[in-house]
Protein backbone atom coordinates (compact mmCIF):
# COMPACT_ATOMS: atom_id res chain seq x y z
CA UNK A 1 12.76 14.33 15.63
CA UNK A 2 10.63 17.09 13.68
CA UNK A 3 8.01 16.52 11.26
CA UNK A 4 10.48 18.04 8.48
CA UNK A 5 12.90 15.74 9.84
CA UNK A 6 10.72 12.71 9.49
CA UNK A 7 9.88 13.63 6.37
CA UNK A 8 13.55 14.16 4.88
CA UNK A 9 14.56 10.62 6.39
CA UNK A 10 11.39 8.51 4.76
CA UNK A 11 13.03 9.10 1.51
CA UNK A 12 16.50 8.82 0.13
CA UNK A 13 17.67 9.53 -3.37
CA UNK A 14 21.07 8.43 -4.72
CA UNK A 15 22.65 8.91 -7.85
CA UNK A 16 20.78 11.84 -8.79
CA UNK A 17 22.04 12.73 -12.33
CA UNK A 18 22.03 9.15 -13.54
CA UNK A 19 21.93 9.07 -17.38
CA UNK A 20 20.71 5.30 -17.83
CA UNK A 21 17.12 4.64 -18.66
CA UNK A 22 16.37 2.76 -15.57
CA UNK A 23 15.07 4.32 -12.38
CA UNK A 24 15.32 2.22 -9.25
CA UNK A 25 13.14 2.08 -6.34
CA UNK A 26 13.40 0.15 -2.87
CA UNK A 27 10.52 0.47 -0.84
CA UNK A 28 11.83 -1.60 2.04
CA UNK A 29 15.36 -0.28 2.04
CA UNK A 30 15.79 0.40 6.10
CA UNK A 31 14.70 -0.83 9.26
CA UNK A 32 15.41 2.16 11.55
CA UNK A 33 12.61 2.91 14.21
CA UNK A 34 12.87 6.75 14.78
CA UNK A 35 11.13 8.63 17.19
CA UNK A 36 8.15 9.36 17.49
CA UNK A 37 7.18 5.79 17.12
CA UNK A 38 10.16 3.82 18.57
CA UNK A 39 10.38 0.26 18.20
CA UNK A 40 6.42 -0.36 17.95
CA UNK A 41 7.20 -3.00 20.85
CA UNK A 42 9.53 -5.08 18.88
CA UNK A 43 12.54 -6.36 20.12
CA UNK A 44 15.99 -6.08 18.88
CA UNK A 45 15.78 -9.36 16.54
CA UNK A 46 12.04 -8.73 15.53
CA UNK A 47 13.73 -4.89 14.06
CA UNK A 48 16.69 -6.62 12.10
CA UNK A 49 14.24 -9.86 10.79
CA UNK A 50 12.67 -9.34 7.58
CA UNK A 51 9.29 -8.53 8.70
CA UNK A 52 10.81 -4.78 9.70
CA UNK A 53 12.69 -4.61 6.04
CA UNK A 54 14.14 -6.27 2.68
CA UNK A 55 17.55 -7.52 4.03
CA UNK A 56 19.94 -7.14 1.23
CA UNK A 57 17.77 -5.57 -1.33
CA UNK A 58 19.37 -1.88 -0.09
CA UNK A 59 23.05 -3.34 -1.32
CA UNK A 60 21.52 -5.07 -4.33
CA UNK A 61 19.80 -1.90 -5.39
CA UNK A 62 22.96 0.69 -4.92
CA UNK A 63 24.75 -1.71 -7.11
CA UNK A 64 22.51 -1.96 -9.58
CA UNK A 65 22.24 1.95 -9.45
CA UNK A 66 25.91 2.22 -10.03
CA UNK A 67 25.90 -0.45 -13.05
CA UNK A 68 23.09 0.70 -14.61
CA UNK A 69 24.18 4.60 -13.77
CA UNK A 70 20.38 4.67 -12.88
CA UNK A 71 18.95 7.24 -9.88
CA UNK A 72 17.97 5.16 -6.36
CA UNK A 73 14.71 6.33 -4.40
CA UNK A 74 14.93 4.25 -1.37
CA UNK A 75 12.85 3.99 1.92
CA UNK A 76 14.83 5.30 4.60
CA UNK A 77 12.31 4.05 7.86
CA UNK A 78 11.04 0.32 8.53
CA UNK A 79 7.99 -0.81 6.70
CA UNK A 80 6.72 -1.66 9.92
CA UNK A 81 5.70 2.07 10.51
CA UNK A 82 4.73 2.67 7.16
CA UNK A 83 4.68 -0.22 4.23
CA UNK A 84 5.44 2.17 1.38
CA UNK A 85 4.13 -0.57 -1.20
CA UNK A 86 0.87 -0.54 0.34
CA UNK A 87 -2.16 2.29 -0.03
CA UNK A 88 -2.78 4.59 2.65
CA UNK A 89 -6.35 2.04 3.06
CA UNK A 90 -4.65 -0.93 3.04
CA UNK A 91 -4.37 -2.47 6.74
CA UNK A 92 -0.84 -3.83 5.57
CA UNK A 93 0.12 -0.37 5.55
CA UNK A 94 0.99 -0.61 9.13
CA UNK A 95 0.38 -4.04 9.49
CA UNK A 96 -0.61 -5.09 13.21
CA UNK A 97 0.45 -8.89 12.66
CA UNK A 98 3.43 -9.43 10.13
CA UNK A 99 4.17 -13.01 9.40
CA UNK A 100 4.20 -15.08 12.95
CA UNK A 101 5.01 -11.40 14.69
CA UNK A 102 2.37 -9.07 16.39
CA UNK A 103 3.30 -5.43 16.19
CA UNK A 104 1.85 -3.97 19.28
CA UNK A 105 2.83 -0.36 17.92
CA UNK A 106 0.44 -1.02 14.87
CA UNK A 107 -2.13 -2.14 17.02
CA UNK A 108 -5.93 -0.27 17.11
CA UNK A 109 -4.20 2.61 15.56
CA UNK A 110 -6.93 5.47 14.94
CA UNK A 111 -7.74 7.17 12.02
CA UNK A 112 -5.72 10.22 12.96
CA UNK A 113 -2.66 8.04 13.58
CA UNK A 114 -2.64 6.19 10.37
CA UNK A 115 -3.22 9.92 8.91
CA UNK A 116 -0.07 11.12 10.64
CA UNK A 117 2.04 8.45 9.36
CA UNK A 118 1.11 8.27 5.79
CA UNK A 119 1.38 12.06 5.53
CA UNK A 120 4.70 11.99 7.51
CA UNK A 121 6.29 9.05 5.39
CA UNK A 122 3.70 7.61 2.43
CA UNK A 123 3.27 11.05 0.57
CA UNK A 124 7.20 12.71 0.71
CA UNK A 125 8.17 9.40 -0.34
CA UNK A 126 5.96 8.94 -3.17
CA UNK A 127 5.84 12.88 -4.21
CA UNK A 128 9.73 12.40 -4.86
CA UNK A 129 9.49 9.48 -7.03
CA UNK A 130 6.84 11.32 -8.97
CA UNK A 131 8.87 14.36 -9.39
CA UNK A 132 11.89 11.80 -10.54
CA UNK A 133 9.27 10.52 -12.92
CA UNK A 134 8.53 13.53 -14.31
CA UNK A 135 11.84 15.21 -14.89
CA UNK A 136 12.14 12.37 -16.88
CA UNK A 137 9.07 12.62 -18.91
CA UNK A 138 10.00 16.23 -19.54
CA UNK A 139 13.36 15.77 -20.84
CA UNK A 140 11.72 13.50 -23.59
CA UNK A 141 13.33 10.59 -21.20
CA UNK A 142 10.55 8.37 -19.66
CA UNK A 143 12.28 5.70 -17.16
CA UNK A 144 11.94 2.01 -16.76
CA UNK A 145 10.95 1.98 -13.22
CA UNK A 146 12.24 -1.27 -11.46
CA UNK A 147 11.54 -1.91 -8.03
CA UNK A 148 13.80 -4.09 -5.67
CA UNK A 149 13.17 -6.21 -2.59
CA UNK A 150 13.99 -9.40 -1.18
CA UNK A 151 11.76 -12.41 0.49
CA UNK A 152 12.53 -15.21 3.13
CA UNK A 153 14.11 -19.11 2.06
CA UNK A 154 11.36 -20.25 4.62
CA UNK A 155 7.86 -18.79 4.75
CA UNK A 156 5.43 -20.52 7.21
CA UNK A 157 8.11 -23.19 7.88
CA UNK A 158 7.59 -24.11 4.06
CA UNK A 159 10.87 -23.62 1.74
CA UNK A 160 11.03 -21.74 -1.22
CA UNK A 161 12.91 -23.08 -4.12
CA UNK A 162 12.21 -20.02 -6.13
CA UNK A 163 15.37 -17.75 -6.33
CA UNK A 164 14.60 -14.87 -8.67
CA UNK A 165 10.99 -13.51 -8.53
CA UNK A 166 9.45 -11.30 -11.40
CA UNK A 167 6.30 -9.69 -10.61
CA UNK A 168 4.35 -7.30 -12.51
CA UNK A 169 1.08 -5.22 -12.50
CA UNK A 170 -0.93 -4.23 -15.35
CA UNK A 171 1.24 -4.41 -18.21
CA UNK A 172 3.41 -7.91 -18.26
CA UNK A 173 5.86 -6.61 -20.66
CA UNK A 174 9.14 -5.90 -19.18
CA UNK A 175 8.44 -9.39 -16.65
CA UNK A 176 8.12 -11.33 -19.70
CA UNK A 177 10.95 -9.92 -21.15
CA UNK A 178 13.35 -10.37 -17.97
CA UNK A 179 12.06 -13.31 -17.52
CA UNK A 180 13.22 -14.88 -20.91
CA UNK A 181 16.48 -13.33 -20.45
CA UNK A 182 17.19 -14.37 -16.95
CA UNK A 183 16.22 -17.69 -18.22
CA UNK A 184 18.82 -17.51 -20.99
CA UNK A 185 21.75 -15.79 -18.97
CA UNK A 186 21.46 -17.30 -15.45
CA UNK A 187 21.08 -20.66 -13.53
CA UNK A 188 18.61 -18.98 -11.08
CA UNK A 189 15.24 -20.63 -10.15
CA UNK A 190 13.35 -17.84 -11.68
CA UNK A 191 9.38 -17.64 -11.40
CA UNK A 192 6.77 -15.40 -13.15
CA UNK A 193 4.53 -13.85 -10.08
CA UNK A 194 6.17 -16.07 -7.42
CA UNK A 195 6.77 -16.26 -4.51
CA UNK A 196 3.87 -12.63 -4.69
CA UNK A 197 1.55 -11.32 -7.42
CA UNK A 198 -0.08 -8.50 -8.08
CA UNK A 199 -2.98 -10.40 -6.41
CA UNK A 200 -1.09 -10.42 -3.22
CA UNK A 201 -1.02 -6.62 -3.40
CA UNK A 202 2.25 -6.11 -3.92
CA UNK A 203 2.69 -3.81 -6.79
CA UNK A 204 1.20 -0.56 -5.87
CA UNK A 205 4.04 1.06 -6.60
CA UNK A 206 4.38 0.13 -9.96
CA UNK A 207 0.57 0.38 -10.26
CA UNK A 208 0.49 4.22 -8.63
CA UNK A 209 4.09 5.64 -10.28
CA UNK A 210 4.43 3.39 -13.51
CA UNK A 211 1.00 2.23 -15.25
CA UNK A 212 -0.65 5.73 -15.19
CA UNK A 213 2.56 6.79 -17.51
CA UNK A 214 2.45 4.43 -19.44
CA UNK A 215 6.27 3.40 -18.40
CA UNK A 216 7.61 0.00 -18.58
CA UNK A 217 7.91 -1.56 -14.98
CA UNK A 218 9.01 -4.53 -13.43
CA UNK A 219 9.65 -5.96 -9.72
CA UNK A 220 12.41 -8.18 -8.54
CA UNK A 221 12.21 -10.21 -5.67
CA UNK A 222 15.67 -12.12 -4.74
CA UNK A 223 15.40 -14.57 -2.40
CA UNK A 224 17.51 -12.94 0.55
CA UNK A 225 20.32 -16.10 1.16
CA UNK A 226 21.76 -14.91 -2.00
CA UNK A 227 22.34 -11.45 -1.31
CA UNK A 228 23.35 -12.11 2.24
CA UNK A 229 26.54 -10.03 1.90
CA UNK A 230 28.19 -7.36 -0.08
CA UNK A 231 30.15 -9.08 -2.49
CA UNK A 232 26.80 -11.35 -2.97
CA UNK A 233 25.21 -8.14 -3.66
CA UNK A 234 27.45 -7.29 -6.18
CA UNK A 235 27.84 -9.95 -7.92
CA UNK A 236 24.05 -10.44 -8.21
CA UNK A 237 23.81 -6.79 -9.59
CA UNK A 238 26.11 -7.75 -12.26
CA UNK A 239 23.70 -10.71 -13.35
CA UNK A 240 20.75 -8.44 -13.37
CA UNK A 241 22.24 -5.88 -14.82
CA UNK A 242 23.07 -7.72 -17.82
CA UNK A 243 19.26 -9.11 -17.55
CA UNK A 244 17.67 -5.99 -17.92
CA UNK A 245 19.85 -4.40 -20.66
CA UNK A 246 19.11 -7.57 -22.37
CA UNK A 247 15.19 -7.03 -21.43
CA UNK A 248 15.08 -3.53 -22.51
CA UNK A 249 16.90 -4.58 -25.63
CA UNK A 250 14.09 -7.03 -26.47
CA UNK A 251 11.46 -5.02 -25.98
CA UNK A 252 12.63 -2.04 -28.40
CA UNK A 253 13.13 -4.71 -30.94
CA UNK A 254 10.08 -5.94 -30.66
């Protein structure tokens, strides 16, 4: 695989002509392990597990893109090769251990190896996302940035009751509006800044792409057992599309 092919596979854009106000991002959409990195020493089960990607998140993001007529920017490679929601200097960008799993191919990476992955994956992904934002800004249509993730029902042996996490970076405005609408419109166990928050380093994309431009933004975390099938993803997208539209209307009214 050539450097150009790798860079092209690092990011995919769907519905580029979307006319809706939202711009959907899915940084952990894929569990692909192409050359030159291969499997990073992981077995097939580990490559399918949550450590490698966010199961169900891409299907949900695609359904939201369709229902909201929103452009979707999604990752094409496993987050274990490079986690696009982490800055290049963060250990978690190329984690040597994830949950209970060692990642042999990420052990003792040299500065040159880290730089090569950053150039091949992180830079093209965030450049393309920034370009999508810039074009909308130039047209006088500042996008509302929504990142879509999933999390496991059990973490280190402890069950998680939360079903929908609504996460914010510096600006909590949209997140609080989403929380209000989700509580009012759904029966989901919805919580603000759970199971993660900005303190856990999970809002890099929001901080990099939305906050400096003053864009409304929110990170959605769905428990992955709720979006395990295409049918469940589509149904959840119906629910969340109504929540997001309601939240945006609430902010505009305020």
